[in-house]
């Protein structure tokens, strides 16, 4: 949902939205490297995951506070925090699960970790997407209605003031160019109102996601510190019988 912030709330182009996701990817890579090093040095490494989840929750909280006109740096900072926290957890739980089983079960547990991670992501995306599709039209109508503009002015906004118009910069530019100068303040007011509606809906989504992360954080405190194995022992091969035995 981060591209929705860049494009819908801040009004940036789609190309810039993709580029501005790079800080989160860099945070994930850095967090993964740091997690691997810390796991080999800390006796109670499970707290690395606790710190990582706390950082993710903090970053999601910062993303929930983004409003129209916010600085790009605010979003980038939040994404770096989310990415670094996520990176801390990725190798941690995979390695701890692998270290808790015999070598012959490595493939099974590795696939299970990936499977349930994908299941959780799918369910979370579906639930939060449902929240977005239900809440956004309602909030957009409320925010636009609060302006108390004449119907003809409200109708001049692309798609009748729908939030979908935020992702069509060409339509917004064409509608703005077709209006007389006296109607431009009202048009900009509608645009800001719809952007605010999207920001408030995303705030709800990010807070729900942060709540789920906090639950995971609480559970992580009770995990055992399974000794991390640098390599699994290989059973010794049986000696070949001597010639003539």
Protein backbone atom coordinates (compact mmCIF):
# COMPACT_ATOMS: atom_id res chain seq x y z
CA UNK A 1 0.00 0.00 0.00
CA UNK A 2 3.03 2.29 0.06
CA UNK A 3 2.62 3.27 -3.63
CA UNK A 4 -0.86 4.52 -2.69
CA UNK A 5 0.79 6.98 -0.32
CA UNK A 6 3.19 8.26 -2.95
CA UNK A 7 0.69 8.47 -5.80
CA UNK A 8 -2.62 9.09 -4.06
CA UNK A 9 -1.71 11.07 -0.94
CA UNK A 10 1.43 12.94 -2.03
CA UNK A 11 0.56 13.13 -5.74
CA UNK A 12 3.86 11.80 -7.07
CA UNK A 13 4.27 10.09 -10.43
CA UNK A 14 4.17 6.30 -10.66
CA UNK A 15 7.84 6.19 -11.71
CA UNK A 16 8.94 8.08 -8.62
CA UNK A 17 6.75 5.86 -6.46
CA UNK A 18 8.68 2.81 -7.62
CA UNK A 19 12.05 4.43 -7.07
CA UNK A 20 11.13 5.59 -3.58
CA UNK A 21 10.56 1.97 -2.50
CA UNK A 22 14.32 1.43 -2.80
CA UNK A 23 15.04 2.58 0.79
CA UNK A 24 12.85 -0.20 2.17
CA UNK A 25 14.67 -2.79 0.07
CA UNK A 26 17.99 -1.42 1.30
CA UNK A 27 16.71 -1.60 4.87
CA UNK A 28 15.70 -5.25 4.42
CA UNK A 29 19.13 -6.16 3.03
CA UNK A 30 20.95 -4.31 5.82
CA UNK A 31 18.72 -5.82 8.51
CA UNK A 32 19.25 -9.34 7.18
CA UNK A 33 23.02 -8.95 7.28
CA UNK A 34 22.91 -7.47 10.79
CA UNK A 35 20.60 -10.24 12.00
CA UNK A 36 22.92 -12.98 10.76
CA UNK A 37 25.91 -11.43 12.51
CA UNK A 38 24.06 -10.80 15.77
CA UNK A 39 22.67 -14.33 15.92
CA UNK A 40 26.20 -15.73 16.11
CA UNK A 41 27.25 -13.31 18.84
CA UNK A 42 24.25 -12.99 21.18
CA UNK A 43 23.24 -15.85 23.49
CA UNK A 44 19.61 -14.72 23.60
CA UNK A 45 19.14 -14.04 19.94
CA UNK A 46 15.34 -14.27 20.05
CA UNK A 47 15.27 -10.66 21.20
CA UNK A 48 16.62 -9.68 17.79
CA UNK A 49 13.22 -10.67 16.40
CA UNK A 50 11.48 -8.75 19.16
CA UNK A 51 13.43 -5.61 18.29
CA UNK A 52 12.76 -6.18 14.60
CA UNK A 53 9.02 -6.45 15.11
CA UNK A 54 9.04 -3.37 17.33
CA UNK A 55 10.76 -1.44 14.54
CA UNK A 56 8.20 -2.66 12.00
CA UNK A 57 5.35 -1.55 14.27
CA UNK A 58 7.03 1.84 14.75
CA UNK A 59 7.50 2.29 11.01
CA UNK A 60 3.88 1.38 10.30
CA UNK A 61 2.80 3.89 12.92
CA UNK A 62 4.83 6.58 11.18
CA UNK A 63 3.30 5.66 7.81
CA UNK A 64 -0.17 5.99 9.32
CA UNK A 65 0.54 9.67 10.10
CA UNK A 66 1.28 10.69 6.50
CA UNK A 67 -1.09 13.37 5.22
CA UNK A 68 -1.32 15.40 1.98
CA UNK A 69 1.62 17.79 1.77
CA UNK A 70 3.89 15.66 3.96
CA UNK A 71 7.57 15.55 3.10
CA UNK A 72 8.87 12.59 1.14
CA UNK A 73 11.57 12.20 3.79
CA UNK A 74 8.89 11.28 6.34
CA UNK A 75 7.78 8.34 4.20
CA UNK A 76 11.35 7.31 3.36
CA UNK A 77 12.32 7.31 7.04
CA UNK A 78 9.34 5.12 7.91
CA UNK A 79 10.16 2.73 5.07
CA UNK A 80 13.78 2.39 6.17
CA UNK A 81 12.61 1.53 9.69
CA UNK A 82 10.08 -1.02 8.40
CA UNK A 83 12.63 -2.53 6.04
CA UNK A 84 15.37 -2.82 8.66
CA UNK A 85 12.99 -4.37 11.17
CA UNK A 86 11.71 -6.84 8.59
CA UNK A 87 15.26 -7.72 7.61
CA UNK A 88 16.09 -8.54 11.23
CA UNK A 89 13.29 -11.12 11.37
CA UNK A 90 13.67 -12.84 8.00
CA UNK A 91 16.83 -14.93 8.61
CA UNK A 92 16.29 -15.17 12.36
CA UNK A 93 13.20 -17.34 12.44
CA UNK A 94 14.22 -19.40 9.43
CA UNK A 95 17.60 -20.26 10.97
CA UNK A 96 16.15 -20.93 14.40
CA UNK A 97 13.62 -23.38 12.94
CA UNK A 98 16.29 -25.10 10.86
CA UNK A 99 18.54 -25.42 13.92
CA UNK A 100 15.76 -27.06 15.94
CA UNK A 101 15.35 -30.10 13.68
CA UNK A 102 17.48 -32.91 12.35
CA UNK A 103 19.25 -32.50 9.05
CA UNK A 104 16.82 -34.78 7.23
CA UNK A 105 13.92 -32.43 8.04
CA UNK A 106 15.58 -29.26 6.78
CA UNK A 107 13.69 -29.20 3.50
CA UNK A 108 10.37 -29.78 5.24
CA UNK A 109 10.71 -27.02 7.82
CA UNK A 110 12.16 -24.56 5.31
CA UNK A 111 9.21 -25.04 2.98
CA UNK A 112 6.81 -24.76 5.92
CA UNK A 113 8.26 -21.42 6.98
CA UNK A 114 7.95 -20.06 3.46
CA UNK A 115 4.47 -21.53 3.04
CA UNK A 116 3.00 -20.02 6.20
CA UNK A 117 4.72 -16.72 5.51
CA UNK A 118 2.99 -16.63 2.12
CA UNK A 119 -0.34 -17.65 3.65
CA UNK A 120 -0.10 -14.85 6.21
CA UNK A 121 0.77 -12.33 3.52
CA UNK A 122 -2.13 -13.45 1.35
CA UNK A 123 -4.66 -13.29 4.17
CA UNK A 124 -3.37 -9.93 5.36
CA UNK A 125 -3.49 -8.44 1.88
CA UNK A 126 -7.03 -9.71 1.35
CA UNK A 127 -8.32 -8.39 4.68
CA UNK A 128 -6.66 -5.00 4.39
CA UNK A 129 -7.72 -4.71 0.75
CA UNK A 130 -11.31 -5.28 1.84
CA UNK A 131 -10.96 -2.50 4.41
CA UNK A 132 -9.60 -0.18 1.74
CA UNK A 133 -12.38 -0.89 -0.77
CA UNK A 134 -15.11 -0.40 1.83
CA UNK A 135 -13.81 2.59 3.78
CA UNK A 136 -12.32 4.71 1.01
CA UNK A 137 -15.52 5.56 -0.94
CA UNK A 138 -17.34 6.44 2.29
CA UNK A 139 -14.56 8.70 3.53
CA UNK A 140 -14.17 10.38 0.14
CA UNK A 141 -17.88 11.26 0.08
CA UNK A 142 -17.73 12.60 3.63
CA UNK A 143 -14.65 14.75 2.99
CA UNK A 144 -16.03 16.19 -0.27
CA UNK A 145 -19.48 16.80 1.25
CA UNK A 146 -17.87 18.72 4.11
CA UNK A 147 -16.70 21.34 1.59
CA UNK A 148 -20.36 22.20 0.80
CA UNK A 149 -19.62 23.03 -2.80
CA UNK A 150 -22.23 23.46 -5.55
CA UNK A 151 -22.96 20.15 -7.34
CA UNK A 152 -21.61 21.48 -10.64
CA UNK A 153 -18.21 22.15 -9.08
CA UNK A 154 -18.06 18.77 -7.37
CA UNK A 155 -19.02 17.13 -10.65
CA UNK A 156 -16.10 18.79 -12.41
CA UNK A 157 -13.67 16.56 -10.53
CA UNK A 158 -12.76 13.39 -12.48
CA UNK A 159 -14.96 10.39 -11.69
CA UNK A 160 -17.26 12.53 -9.58
CA UNK A 161 -14.85 12.97 -6.70
CA UNK A 162 -13.88 9.29 -6.55
CA UNK A 163 -10.51 8.41 -5.07
CA UNK A 164 -9.74 6.40 -8.21
CA UNK A 165 -9.13 9.71 -9.98
CA UNK A 166 -6.04 10.27 -7.82
CA UNK A 167 -4.21 7.63 -9.85
CA UNK A 168 -4.98 9.30 -13.20
CA UNK A 169 -2.83 12.46 -13.26
CA UNK A 170 -3.71 13.11 -16.90
CA UNK A 171 -7.43 13.26 -16.10
CA UNK A 172 -6.80 15.59 -13.16
CA UNK A 173 -4.66 17.89 -15.30
CA UNK A 174 -7.27 17.95 -18.07
CA UNK A 175 -10.08 18.74 -15.64
CA UNK A 176 -8.02 21.50 -14.02
CA UNK A 177 -7.23 23.05 -17.40
CA UNK A 178 -10.91 23.05 -18.41
CA UNK A 179 -12.02 25.08 -15.39
CA UNK A 180 -12.12 28.87 -15.17
CA UNK A 181 -9.66 30.48 -12.76
CA UNK A 182 -12.44 31.25 -10.28
CA UNK A 183 -13.24 27.54 -9.90
CA UNK A 184 -9.67 26.40 -9.32
CA UNK A 185 -9.67 26.92 -5.52
CA UNK A 186 -12.75 24.70 -5.21
CA UNK A 187 -11.15 22.09 -7.47
CA UNK A 188 -7.98 22.05 -5.37
CA UNK A 189 -10.14 21.77 -2.26
CA UNK A 190 -11.82 18.66 -3.66
CA UNK A 191 -8.45 17.21 -4.61
CA UNK A 192 -7.10 17.76 -1.09
CA UNK A 193 -10.27 16.31 0.43
CA UNK A 194 -10.01 13.12 -1.61
CA UNK A 195 -6.31 12.81 -0.80
CA UNK A 196 -7.15 13.23 2.89
CA UNK A 197 -9.80 10.51 2.64
CA UNK A 198 -7.22 8.14 1.19
CA UNK A 199 -4.70 9.08 3.89
CA UNK A 200 -7.24 8.40 6.66
CA UNK A 201 -8.13 5.04 5.13
CA UNK A 202 -4.47 4.08 4.87
CA UNK A 203 -4.00 5.17 8.47
CA UNK A 204 -6.57 2.58 9.52
CA UNK A 205 -4.90 -0.09 7.38
CA UNK A 206 -1.41 0.58 8.74
CA UNK A 207 -2.68 0.58 12.32
CA UNK A 208 -4.35 -2.79 11.78
CA UNK A 209 -1.08 -4.10 10.36
CA UNK A 210 0.84 -2.65 13.31
CA UNK A 211 -1.55 -4.38 15.73
CA UNK A 212 -0.86 -7.73 14.04
CA UNK A 213 2.88 -7.08 14.34
CA UNK A 214 2.52 -6.28 18.05
CA UNK A 215 0.82 -9.65 18.57
CA UNK A 216 3.75 -11.34 16.86
CA UNK A 217 6.12 -9.30 19.01
CA UNK A 218 4.43 -10.55 22.19
CA UNK A 219 4.68 -14.16 21.01
CA UNK A 220 8.35 -13.79 20.08
CA UNK A 221 9.28 -13.05 23.69
CA UNK A 222 8.38 -16.62 24.69
CA UNK A 223 10.39 -18.40 21.99
CA UNK A 224 13.32 -20.59 23.00
CA UNK A 225 16.90 -19.73 22.10
CA UNK A 226 17.74 -22.85 20.12
CA UNK A 227 21.52 -23.08 19.59
CA UNK A 228 22.31 -21.93 16.08
CA UNK A 229 24.29 -24.56 14.19
CA UNK A 230 26.91 -23.29 11.79
CA UNK A 231 26.68 -26.63 10.00
CA UNK A 232 24.80 -29.85 10.57
CA UNK A 233 26.95 -32.86 11.53
CA UNK A 234 27.34 -35.45 8.82
CA UNK A 235 27.15 -39.10 9.96
CA UNK A 236 30.49 -40.87 9.66
CA UNK A 237 30.72 -43.30 6.77
CA UNK A 238 31.13 -46.96 7.60
CA UNK A 239 34.59 -48.35 6.99
CA UNK A 240 34.86 -50.59 3.95
CA UNK A 241 35.57 -54.23 4.76
CA UNK A 242 39.16 -55.32 4.26
CA UNK A 243 39.99 -57.51 1.25
CA UNK A 244 39.42 -61.13 2.05
CA UNK A 245 37.08 -60.54 5.04
